[in-house]
Amino acid sequence: MKKVELEIVALSHSITQTHSYAVVLGEVDGLRRLPIVIGGFEAQAIAVALERMQPSRPLTHDLFANFMDTFSIELTEVIIYKLEEGVFFAKLVCRNSDIITEIDSRTSDALALAVRANCRIYTYENIIDAAGLYLENEEQVETGSSEGRAGDVPVSNKQSGASGDSDMKKMSLEELNTLLQTVLDQEDYVRAIHIRDEINSRKNNK
């Protein structure tokens, strides 16, 4: 069965579930998108790695990645291999010396580890045909299916933290910087990224 390589292209809010997010996977060199609903903790774990933030203490996925590195276990790829009743299933393909092992994983956990290991992410053609979206442009992503082992529901196209856009627009740079520090102290990295982007946008427009 033909594999399709994916990359993480966005992290979005869910409008159907409080504190739920979607990670949006995009076809490499293509326009198909695969949105998958994940929990807030997993969204933060992915965001921290994508943005190369340094948390004050290792997150669970950092610990697991450090464990694998310590014992010379290489995560070679992540495969989203099955879609059943709206639920995605994923596996980690690991190498230790000449031994290849496949480990069952929730999709969100697999993606959080893939970002840390800088390994490739794949799915199969039939899965992206069934649950993916074909975009003529990259401005909108709507609906999707849920992640393996913790079935959820379709997601929206709103960027993470977008619900607070109007409030942040009214704040001064000094207030935004204070808020950013408070959010970082609370380890709310997804919100921190959104605040940081607002600060950078204002600085660039000066």
Protein backbone atom coordinates (compact mmCIF):
# COMPACT_ATOMS: atom_id res chain seq x y z
CA MET A 1 0.00 0.00 0.00
CA LYS A 2 1.39 3.41 -0.99
CA LYS A 3 2.65 5.60 1.86
CA VAL A 4 2.11 9.37 1.88
CA GLU A 5 4.62 11.55 3.69
CA LEU A 6 3.14 14.24 5.94
CA GLU A 7 4.38 17.22 7.90
CA ILE A 8 2.82 19.29 10.67
CA VAL A 9 1.49 22.52 9.15
CA ALA A 10 -0.76 23.96 11.87
CA LEU A 11 -2.10 23.66 15.38
CA SER A 12 -5.75 24.68 15.74
CA HIS A 13 -8.55 25.11 18.25
CA SER A 14 -11.59 22.82 18.31
CA ILE A 15 -14.96 24.60 18.35
CA THR A 16 -16.80 21.44 19.36
CA GLN A 17 -14.86 20.52 22.51
CA THR A 18 -13.50 22.82 25.20
CA HIS A 19 -9.74 22.61 25.62
CA SER A 20 -9.37 20.42 22.52
CA TYR A 21 -6.99 21.15 19.69
CA ALA A 22 -6.27 19.82 16.23
CA VAL A 23 -2.91 19.12 14.70
CA VAL A 24 -3.12 19.62 10.95
CA LEU A 25 -0.89 17.38 8.86
CA GLY A 26 -0.11 18.39 5.30
CA GLU A 27 0.96 16.19 2.41
CA VAL A 28 4.60 16.88 1.55
CA ASP A 29 4.68 18.47 -1.93
CA GLY A 30 0.89 18.30 -2.09
CA LEU A 31 -2.29 20.13 -1.05
CA ARG A 32 -4.08 17.43 0.93
CA ARG A 33 -4.53 18.05 4.66
CA LEU A 34 -5.31 15.65 7.48
CA PRO A 35 -6.67 17.33 10.67
CA ILE A 36 -6.60 15.20 13.85
CA VAL A 37 -8.12 16.20 17.17
CA ILE A 38 -5.78 15.99 20.16
CA GLY A 39 -5.88 17.02 23.81
CA GLY A 40 -4.48 20.21 25.28
CA PHE A 41 -1.50 18.47 26.92
CA GLU A 42 -0.45 16.84 23.66
CA ALA A 43 -0.96 20.15 21.81
CA GLN A 44 1.43 21.83 24.22
CA ALA A 45 3.94 19.00 23.86
CA ILE A 46 3.92 19.40 20.07
CA ALA A 47 4.03 23.20 20.24
CA VAL A 48 7.00 23.22 22.62
CA ALA A 49 9.04 21.05 20.26
CA LEU A 50 7.99 22.89 17.10
CA GLU A 51 8.90 26.26 18.60
CA ARG A 52 12.12 24.95 20.19
CA MET A 53 11.08 26.23 23.61
CA GLN A 54 12.96 25.10 26.69
CA PRO A 55 10.52 24.25 29.50
CA SER A 56 11.74 24.64 33.06
CA ARG A 57 11.49 20.87 33.49
CA PRO A 58 11.18 18.02 30.96
CA LEU A 59 7.69 17.27 29.71
CA THR A 60 6.60 13.63 29.52
CA HIS A 61 7.47 13.40 25.83
CA ASP A 62 10.88 14.97 26.48
CA LEU A 63 11.51 12.33 29.13
CA PHE A 64 10.53 9.54 26.75
CA ALA A 65 12.74 10.98 24.00
CA ASN A 66 15.67 11.28 26.43
CA PHE A 67 15.10 7.68 27.54
CA MET A 68 15.26 6.46 23.94
CA ASP A 69 18.38 8.48 23.26
CA THR A 70 20.09 7.21 26.41
CA PHE A 71 19.56 3.60 25.37
CA SER A 72 20.42 4.19 21.69
CA ILE A 73 16.88 3.65 20.42
CA GLU A 74 16.23 5.60 17.22
CA LEU A 75 12.72 6.63 16.20
CA THR A 76 12.96 6.21 12.43
CA GLU A 77 9.39 7.03 11.43
CA VAL A 78 5.81 7.41 12.60
CA ILE A 79 3.03 5.76 10.61
CA ILE A 80 -0.66 6.58 10.95
CA TYR A 81 -1.70 3.17 9.73
CA LYS A 82 -5.42 2.75 10.36
CA LEU A 83 -8.67 4.72 10.48
CA GLU A 84 -11.53 2.86 12.11
CA GLU A 85 -14.90 4.40 12.99
CA GLY A 86 -13.38 7.87 12.89
CA VAL A 87 -10.42 6.91 15.08
CA PHE A 88 -6.81 7.07 13.92
CA PHE A 89 -4.23 4.49 14.97
CA ALA A 90 -0.48 5.12 14.86
CA LYS A 91 2.76 3.27 15.51
CA LEU A 92 6.36 4.16 16.24
CA VAL A 93 8.97 2.43 14.09
CA CYS A 94 12.11 2.16 16.25
CA ARG A 95 15.61 0.84 15.61
CA ASN A 96 18.07 -0.48 18.17
CA SER A 97 21.22 -1.71 16.44
CA ASP A 98 19.84 -4.00 13.72
CA ILE A 99 16.55 -4.69 15.47
CA ILE A 100 13.43 -2.93 14.13
CA THR A 101 10.46 -2.73 16.50
CA GLU A 102 6.99 -1.28 15.94
CA ILE A 103 5.25 0.17 19.00
CA ASP A 104 1.55 1.02 19.13
CA SER A 105 0.90 4.64 20.09
CA ARG A 106 -1.76 7.28 20.32
CA THR A 107 -1.43 9.51 17.27
CA SER A 108 -0.86 12.66 19.34
CA ASP A 109 1.95 11.03 21.35
CA ALA A 110 3.54 9.68 18.19
CA LEU A 111 3.53 13.15 16.62
CA ALA A 112 4.98 14.77 19.74
CA LEU A 113 7.85 12.27 19.64
CA ALA A 114 8.29 12.62 15.87
CA VAL A 115 8.90 16.35 16.23
CA ARG A 116 11.53 15.73 18.91
CA ALA A 117 13.25 12.99 16.89
CA ASN A 118 12.96 14.93 13.63
CA CYS A 119 11.73 11.76 11.94
CA ARG A 120 9.34 11.37 9.03
CA ILE A 121 5.59 11.01 9.41
CA TYR A 122 3.55 8.82 7.05
CA THR A 123 0.04 7.64 6.43
CA TYR A 124 -1.45 5.48 3.69
CA GLU A 125 -3.21 6.65 0.56
CA ASN A 126 -6.54 5.11 1.56
CA ILE A 127 -6.54 6.95 4.91
CA ILE A 128 -5.87 10.39 3.48
CA ASP A 129 -8.45 9.69 0.75
CA ALA A 130 -11.02 8.85 3.42
CA ALA A 131 -10.32 11.55 6.00
CA GLY A 132 -8.18 14.17 4.30
CA LEU A 133 -9.08 17.46 2.70
CA TYR A 134 -7.91 18.73 -0.66
CA LEU A 135 -7.19 22.46 -0.56
CA GLU A 136 -6.90 24.81 -3.49
CA ASN A 137 -5.14 27.16 -1.09
CA GLU A 138 -3.80 26.94 2.46
CA GLU A 139 -6.08 29.50 4.11
CA GLN A 140 -8.68 27.19 5.62
CA VAL A 141 -8.90 23.77 7.21
CA GLU A 142 -12.28 22.53 8.42
CA THR A 143 -13.42 19.26 9.93
CA GLY A 144 -11.48 16.05 10.35
CA SER A 145 -11.38 12.84 12.31
CA SER A 146 -10.04 12.04 15.73
CA GLU A 147 -6.87 10.51 17.02
CA GLY A 148 -6.30 6.87 17.91
CA ARG A 149 -7.29 5.50 21.30
CA ALA A 150 -9.12 8.61 22.44
CA GLY A 151 -11.73 9.19 19.76
CA ASP A 152 -12.80 12.81 19.36
CA VAL A 153 -14.73 14.87 16.85
CA PRO A 154 -14.16 17.23 13.91
CA VAL A 155 -12.17 20.42 14.41
CA SER A 156 -12.26 24.02 13.26
CA ASN A 157 -9.91 26.15 11.22
CA LYS A 158 -9.13 28.67 13.95
CA GLN A 159 -5.50 29.07 14.91
CA SER A 160 -4.51 28.17 18.44
CA GLY A 161 -5.32 31.07 20.75
CA ALA A 162 -7.36 32.88 18.13
CA SER A 163 -10.32 33.36 20.47
CA GLY A 164 -8.25 35.87 22.42
CA ASP A 165 -7.24 37.93 19.38
CA SER A 166 -9.53 40.85 20.10
CA ASP A 167 -8.39 41.09 23.74
CA MET A 168 -4.70 41.03 22.80
CA LYS A 169 -5.22 43.69 20.12
CA LYS A 170 -6.29 46.09 22.87
CA MET A 171 -3.21 45.44 25.02
CA SER A 172 0.00 47.47 24.93
CA LEU A 173 3.36 45.86 24.20
CA GLU A 174 4.28 46.16 27.85
CA GLU A 175 1.08 44.40 28.89
CA LEU A 176 1.66 41.67 26.30
CA ASN A 177 5.19 41.04 27.55
CA THR A 178 3.89 40.80 31.13
CA LEU A 179 1.17 38.39 30.03
CA LEU A 180 3.71 36.32 28.09
CA GLN A 181 5.87 35.88 31.18
CA THR A 182 2.83 34.89 33.27
CA VAL A 183 1.74 32.32 30.68
CA LEU A 184 5.26 30.87 30.43
CA ASP A 185 5.38 30.54 34.22
CA GLN A 186 2.13 28.55 33.99
CA GLU A 187 3.70 26.37 31.26
CA ASP A 188 0.88 27.22 28.85
CA TYR A 189 3.12 27.08 25.82
CA VAL A 190 0.41 27.03 23.16
CA ARG A 191 -0.96 30.35 24.40
CA ALA A 192 2.57 31.68 24.83
CA ILE A 193 3.29 31.10 21.15
CA HIS A 194 0.21 33.08 20.15
CA ILE A 195 1.13 36.00 22.43
CA ARG A 196 4.70 35.95 21.17
CA ASP A 197 3.48 36.10 17.57
CA GLU A 198 1.35 39.14 18.39
CA ILE A 199 4.37 40.86 19.96
CA ASN A 200 6.58 40.07 16.97
CA SER A 201 3.91 41.25 14.55
CA ARG A 202 3.76 44.63 16.24
CA LYS A 203 7.53 44.98 16.33
CA ASN A 204 7.79 44.14 12.63
CA ASN A 205 5.12 46.70 11.74
CA LYS A 206 6.90 49.56 13.50
